[in-house]
Amino acid sequence: MTIRAILLNLMALGILTVSLAACGDTWEGLKTDTGDNLEATGEAVEDAGEAVKK
């Protein structure tokens, strides 16, 4: 294996690692945002229900 091939493999591995890490962060952010949105929606529905009762 030449030095060039080794460097190209290391670069490809680095790019793959960074990409997977970014995907993991995006997934965690998506889960958090979805949870927050569902909670806010639930609170809005509860408030609307209380307003209808009055």
PDB file of N, CA and C in Angstrom:
ATOM      1  N   MET A   1       0.838  -1.176   0.000  1.00  0.00           N
ATOM      2  CA  MET A   1       0.000   0.000   0.000  1.00  0.00           C
ATOM      3  C   MET A   1       0.887   1.244   0.000  1.00  0.00           C
ATOM      4  N   THR A   2       0.533   2.181  -0.839  1.00  0.00           N
ATOM      5  CA  THR A   2       1.336   3.389  -0.925  1.00  0.00           C
ATOM      6  C   THR A   2       0.878   4.394   0.128  1.00  0.00           C
ATOM      7  N   ILE A   3       1.708   5.387   0.333  1.00  0.00           N
ATOM      8  CA  ILE A   3       1.386   6.458   1.281  1.00  0.00           C
ATOM      9  C   ILE A   3       0.105   7.167   0.845  1.00  0.00           C
ATOM     10  N   ARG A   4      -0.026   7.364  -0.463  1.00  0.00           N
ATOM     11  CA  ARG A   4      -1.212   8.052  -0.994  1.00  0.00           C
ATOM     12  C   ARG A   4      -2.483   7.266  -0.661  1.00  0.00           C
ATOM     13  N   ALA A   5      -2.456   5.970  -0.821  1.00  0.00           N
ATOM     14  CA  ALA A   5      -3.621   5.140  -0.528  1.00  0.00           C
ATOM     15  C   ALA A   5      -3.947   5.165   0.959  1.00  0.00           C
ATOM     16  N   ILE A   6      -2.921   5.138   1.789  1.00  0.00           N
ATOM     17  CA  ILE A   6      -3.144   5.205   3.238  1.00  0.00           C
ATOM     18  C   ILE A   6      -3.787   6.530   3.616  1.00  0.00           C
ATOM     19  N   LEU A   7      -3.271   7.620   3.072  1.00  0.00           N
ATOM     20  CA  LEU A   7      -3.833   8.948   3.377  1.00  0.00           C
ATOM     21  C   LEU A   7      -5.278   9.068   2.887  1.00  0.00           C
ATOM     22  N   LEU A   8      -5.561   8.546   1.716  1.00  0.00           N
ATOM     23  CA  LEU A   8      -6.932   8.600   1.199  1.00  0.00           C
ATOM     24  C   LEU A   8      -7.886   7.791   2.087  1.00  0.00           C
ATOM     25  N   ASN A   9      -7.439   6.643   2.551  1.00  0.00           N
ATOM     26  CA  ASN A   9      -8.261   5.828   3.449  1.00  0.00           C
ATOM     27  C   ASN A   9      -8.497   6.535   4.779  1.00  0.00           C
ATOM     28  N   LEU A  10      -7.470   7.176   5.304  1.00  0.00           N
ATOM     29  CA  LEU A  10      -7.622   7.920   6.557  1.00  0.00           C
ATOM     30  C   LEU A  10      -8.581   9.098   6.393  1.00  0.00           C
ATOM     31  N   MET A  11      -8.480   9.786   5.260  1.00  0.00           N
ATOM     32  CA  MET A  11      -9.393  10.902   4.993  1.00  0.00           C
ATOM     33  C   MET A  11     -10.832  10.403   4.879  1.00  0.00           C
ATOM     34  N   ALA A  12     -11.027   9.311   4.183  1.00  0.00           N
ATOM     35  CA  ALA A  12     -12.377   8.750   4.032  1.00  0.00           C
ATOM     36  C   ALA A  12     -12.934   8.335   5.393  1.00  0.00           C
ATOM     37  N   LEU A  13     -12.108   7.722   6.215  1.00  0.00           N
ATOM     38  CA  LEU A  13     -12.537   7.328   7.557  1.00  0.00           C
ATOM     39  C   LEU A  13     -12.889   8.551   8.405  1.00  0.00           C
ATOM     40  N   GLY A  14     -12.115   9.591   8.293  1.00  0.00           N
ATOM     41  CA  GLY A  14     -12.388  10.835   9.030  1.00  0.00           C
ATOM     42  C   GLY A  14     -13.703  11.466   8.601  1.00  0.00           C
ATOM     43  N   ILE A  15     -13.938  11.515   7.311  1.00  0.00           N
ATOM     44  CA  ILE A  15     -15.185  12.084   6.793  1.00  0.00           C
ATOM     45  C   ILE A  15     -16.377  11.257   7.255  1.00  0.00           C
ATOM     46  N   LEU A  16     -16.254   9.949   7.223  1.00  0.00           N
ATOM     47  CA  LEU A  16     -17.331   9.073   7.676  1.00  0.00           C
ATOM     48  C   LEU A  16     -17.618   9.287   9.163  1.00  0.00           C
ATOM     49  N   THR A  17     -16.568   9.399   9.956  1.00  0.00           N
ATOM     50  CA  THR A  17     -16.726   9.607  11.400  1.00  0.00           C
ATOM     51  C   THR A  17     -17.441  10.927  11.686  1.00  0.00           C
ATOM     52  N   VAL A  18     -17.031  11.989  11.038  1.00  0.00           N
ATOM     53  CA  VAL A  18     -17.657  13.301  11.236  1.00  0.00           C
ATOM     54  C   VAL A  18     -19.116  13.272  10.788  1.00  0.00           C
ATOM     55  N   SER A  19     -19.386  12.625   9.682  1.00  0.00           N
ATOM     56  CA  SER A  19     -20.757  12.544   9.177  1.00  0.00           C
ATOM     57  C   SER A  19     -21.662  11.798  10.141  1.00  0.00           C
ATOM     58  N   LEU A  20     -21.182  10.689  10.675  1.00  0.00           N
ATOM     59  CA  LEU A  20     -21.992   9.911  11.619  1.00  0.00           C
ATOM     60  C   LEU A  20     -22.222  10.682  12.910  1.00  0.00           C
ATOM     61  N   ALA A  21     -21.222  11.413  13.368  1.00  0.00           N
ATOM     62  CA  ALA A  21     -21.374  12.217  14.581  1.00  0.00           C
ATOM     63  C   ALA A  21     -22.406  13.317  14.354  1.00  0.00           C
ATOM     64  N   ALA A  22     -22.373  13.942  13.193  1.00  0.00           N
ATOM     65  CA  ALA A  22     -23.338  15.000  12.886  1.00  0.00           C
ATOM     66  C   ALA A  22     -24.746  14.439  12.814  1.00  0.00           C
ATOM     67  N   CYS A  23     -24.910  13.255  12.248  1.00  0.00           N
ATOM     68  CA  CYS A  23     -26.226  12.627  12.168  1.00  0.00           C
ATOM     69  C   CYS A  23     -26.766  12.322  13.565  1.00  0.00           C
ATOM     70  N   GLY A  24     -25.895  11.876  14.450  1.00  0.00           N
ATOM     71  CA  GLY A  24     -26.303  11.582  15.818  1.00  0.00           C
ATOM     72  C   GLY A  24     -26.779  12.837  16.537  1.00  0.00           C
ATOM     73  N   ASP A  25     -26.057  13.943  16.356  1.00  0.00           N
ATOM     74  CA  ASP A  25     -26.462  15.211  16.976  1.00  0.00           C
ATOM     75  C   ASP A  25     -27.788  15.691  16.409  1.00  0.00           C
ATOM     76  N   THR A  26     -27.970  15.545  15.115  1.00  0.00           N
ATOM     77  CA  THR A  26     -29.223  15.947  14.483  1.00  0.00           C
ATOM     78  C   THR A  26     -30.378  15.124  15.028  1.00  0.00           C
ATOM     79  N   TRP A  27     -30.188  13.828  15.185  1.00  0.00           N
ATOM     80  CA  TRP A  27     -31.238  12.954  15.692  1.00  0.00           C
ATOM     81  C   TRP A  27     -31.619  13.348  17.119  1.00  0.00           C
ATOM     82  N   GLU A  28     -30.642  13.629  17.962  1.00  0.00           N
ATOM     83  CA  GLU A  28     -30.931  14.033  19.345  1.00  0.00           C
ATOM     84  C   GLU A  28     -31.691  15.362  19.356  1.00  0.00           C
ATOM     85  N   GLY A  29     -31.288  16.294  18.523  1.00  0.00           N
ATOM     86  CA  GLY A  29     -31.982  17.580  18.439  1.00  0.00           C
ATOM     87  C   GLY A  29     -33.410  17.415  17.951  1.00  0.00           C
ATOM     88  N   LEU A  30     -33.601  16.540  16.990  1.00  0.00           N
ATOM     89  CA  LEU A  30     -34.934  16.290  16.452  1.00  0.00           C
ATOM     90  C   LEU A  30     -35.842  15.693  17.522  1.00  0.00           C
ATOM     91  N   LYS A  31     -35.326  14.752  18.290  1.00  0.00           N
ATOM     92  CA  LYS A  31     -36.120  14.142  19.354  1.00  0.00           C
ATOM     93  C   LYS A  31     -36.502  15.187  20.406  1.00  0.00           C
ATOM     94  N   THR A  32     -35.567  16.037  20.775  1.00  0.00           N
ATOM     95  CA  THR A  32     -35.833  17.077  21.775  1.00  0.00           C
ATOM     96  C   THR A  32     -36.879  18.061  21.262  1.00  0.00           C
ATOM     97  N   ASP A  33     -36.701  18.529  20.038  1.00  0.00           N
ATOM     98  CA  ASP A  33     -37.644  19.488  19.465  1.00  0.00           C
ATOM     99  C   ASP A  33     -39.043  18.892  19.344  1.00  0.00           C
ATOM    100  N   THR A  34     -39.135  17.651  18.920  1.00  0.00           N
ATOM    101  CA  THR A  34     -40.434  16.993  18.779  1.00  0.00           C
ATOM    102  C   THR A  34     -41.118  16.868  20.135  1.00  0.00           C
ATOM    103  N   GLY A  35     -40.371  16.496  21.141  1.00  0.00           N
ATOM    104  CA  GLY A  35     -40.928  16.394  22.492  1.00  0.00           C
ATOM    105  C   GLY A  35     -41.434  17.730  22.989  1.00  0.00           C
ATOM    106  N   ASP A  36     -40.653  18.785  22.766  1.00  0.00           N
ATOM    107  CA  ASP A  36     -41.069  20.127  23.187  1.00  0.00           C
ATOM    108  C   ASP A  36     -42.335  20.564  22.448  1.00  0.00           C
ATOM    109  N   ASN A  37     -42.396  20.297  21.156  1.00  0.00           N
ATOM    110  CA  ASN A  37     -43.569  20.685  20.369  1.00  0.00           C
ATOM    111  C   ASN A  37     -44.813  19.922  20.806  1.00  0.00           C
ATOM    112  N   LEU A  38     -44.671  18.641  21.096  1.00  0.00           N
ATOM    113  CA  LEU A  38     -45.825  17.861  21.550  1.00  0.00           C
ATOM    114  C   LEU A  38     -46.315  18.347  22.912  1.00  0.00           C
ATOM    115  N   GLU A  39     -45.391  18.705  23.775  1.00  0.00           N
ATOM    116  CA  GLU A  39     -45.778  19.228  25.086  1.00  0.00           C
ATOM    117  C   GLU A  39     -46.516  20.552  24.944  1.00  0.00           C
ATOM    118  N   ALA A  40     -46.018  21.437  24.101  1.00  0.00           N
ATOM    119  CA  ALA A  40     -46.667  22.727  23.884  1.00  0.00           C
ATOM    120  C   ALA A  40     -48.051  22.544  23.264  1.00  0.00           C
ATOM    121  N   THR A  41     -48.180  21.601  22.346  1.00  0.00           N
ATOM    122  CA  THR A  41     -49.468  21.329  21.722  1.00  0.00           C
ATOM    123  C   THR A  41     -50.458  20.799  22.755  1.00  0.00           C
ATOM    124  N   GLY A  42     -50.001  19.913  23.615  1.00  0.00           N
ATOM    125  CA  GLY A  42     -50.862  19.376  24.668  1.00  0.00           C
ATOM    126  C   GLY A  42     -51.346  20.469  25.607  1.00  0.00           C
ATOM    127  N   GLU A  43     -50.458  21.375  25.962  1.00  0.00           N
ATOM    128  CA  GLU A  43     -50.840  22.478  26.838  1.00  0.00           C
ATOM    129  C   GLU A  43     -51.862  23.389  26.142  1.00  0.00           C
ATOM    130  N   ALA A  44     -51.681  23.638  24.859  1.00  0.00           N
ATOM    131  CA  ALA A  44     -52.619  24.483  24.120  1.00  0.00           C
ATOM    132  C   ALA A  44     -53.997  23.826  24.057  1.00  0.00           C
ATOM    133  N   VAL A  45     -54.038  22.518  23.866  1.00  0.00           N
ATOM    134  CA  VAL A  45     -55.314  21.799  23.825  1.00  0.00           C
ATOM    135  C   VAL A  45     -55.993  21.859  25.192  1.00  0.00           C
ATOM    136  N   GLU A  46     -55.215  21.701  26.262  1.00  0.00           N
ATOM    137  CA  GLU A  46     -55.770  21.791  27.601  1.00  0.00           C
ATOM    138  C   GLU A  46     -56.338  23.187  27.866  1.00  0.00           C
ATOM    139  N   ASP A  47     -55.605  24.211  27.460  1.00  0.00           N
ATOM    140  CA  ASP A  47     -56.073  25.589  27.643  1.00  0.00           C
ATOM    141  C   ASP A  47     -57.347  25.838  26.851  1.00  0.00           C
ATOM    142  N   ALA A  48     -57.412  25.308  25.636  1.00  0.00           N
ATOM    143  CA  ALA A  48     -58.615  25.476  24.826  1.00  0.00           C
ATOM    144  C   ALA A  48     -59.794  24.769  25.474  1.00  0.00           C
ATOM    145  N   GLY A  49     -59.557  23.594  26.041  1.00  0.00           N
ATOM    146  CA  GLY A  49     -60.614  22.862  26.730  1.00  0.00           C
ATOM    147  C   GLY A  49     -61.130  23.618  27.936  1.00  0.00           C
ATOM    148  N   GLU A  50     -60.229  24.230  28.690  1.00  0.00           N
ATOM    149  CA  GLU A  50     -60.625  25.042  29.844  1.00  0.00           C
ATOM    150  C   GLU A  50     -61.445  26.255  29.391  1.00  0.00           C
ATOM    151  N   ALA A  51     -61.048  26.874  28.285  1.00  0.00           N
ATOM    152  CA  ALA A  51     -61.773  28.043  27.787  1.00  0.00           C
ATOM    153  C   ALA A  51     -63.175  27.668  27.352  1.00  0.00           C
ATOM    154  N   VAL A  52     -63.347  26.482  26.788  1.00  0.00           N
ATOM    155  CA  VAL A  52     -64.674  26.028  26.337  1.00  0.00           C
ATOM    156  C   VAL A  52     -65.573  25.752  27.545  1.00  0.00           C
ATOM    157  N   LYS A  53     -64.991  25.239  28.625  1.00  0.00           N
ATOM    158  CA  LYS A  53     -65.770  24.949  29.824  1.00  0.00           C
ATOM    159  C   LYS A  53     -66.357  26.196  30.455  1.00  0.00           C
ATOM    160  N   LYS A  54     -65.677  27.324  30.346  1.00  0.00           N
ATOM    161  CA  LYS A  54     -66.094  28.571  31.000  1.00  0.00           C
ATOM    162  C   LYS A  54     -67.208  29.230  30.288  1.00  0.00           C
TER     163      LYS A  54
END
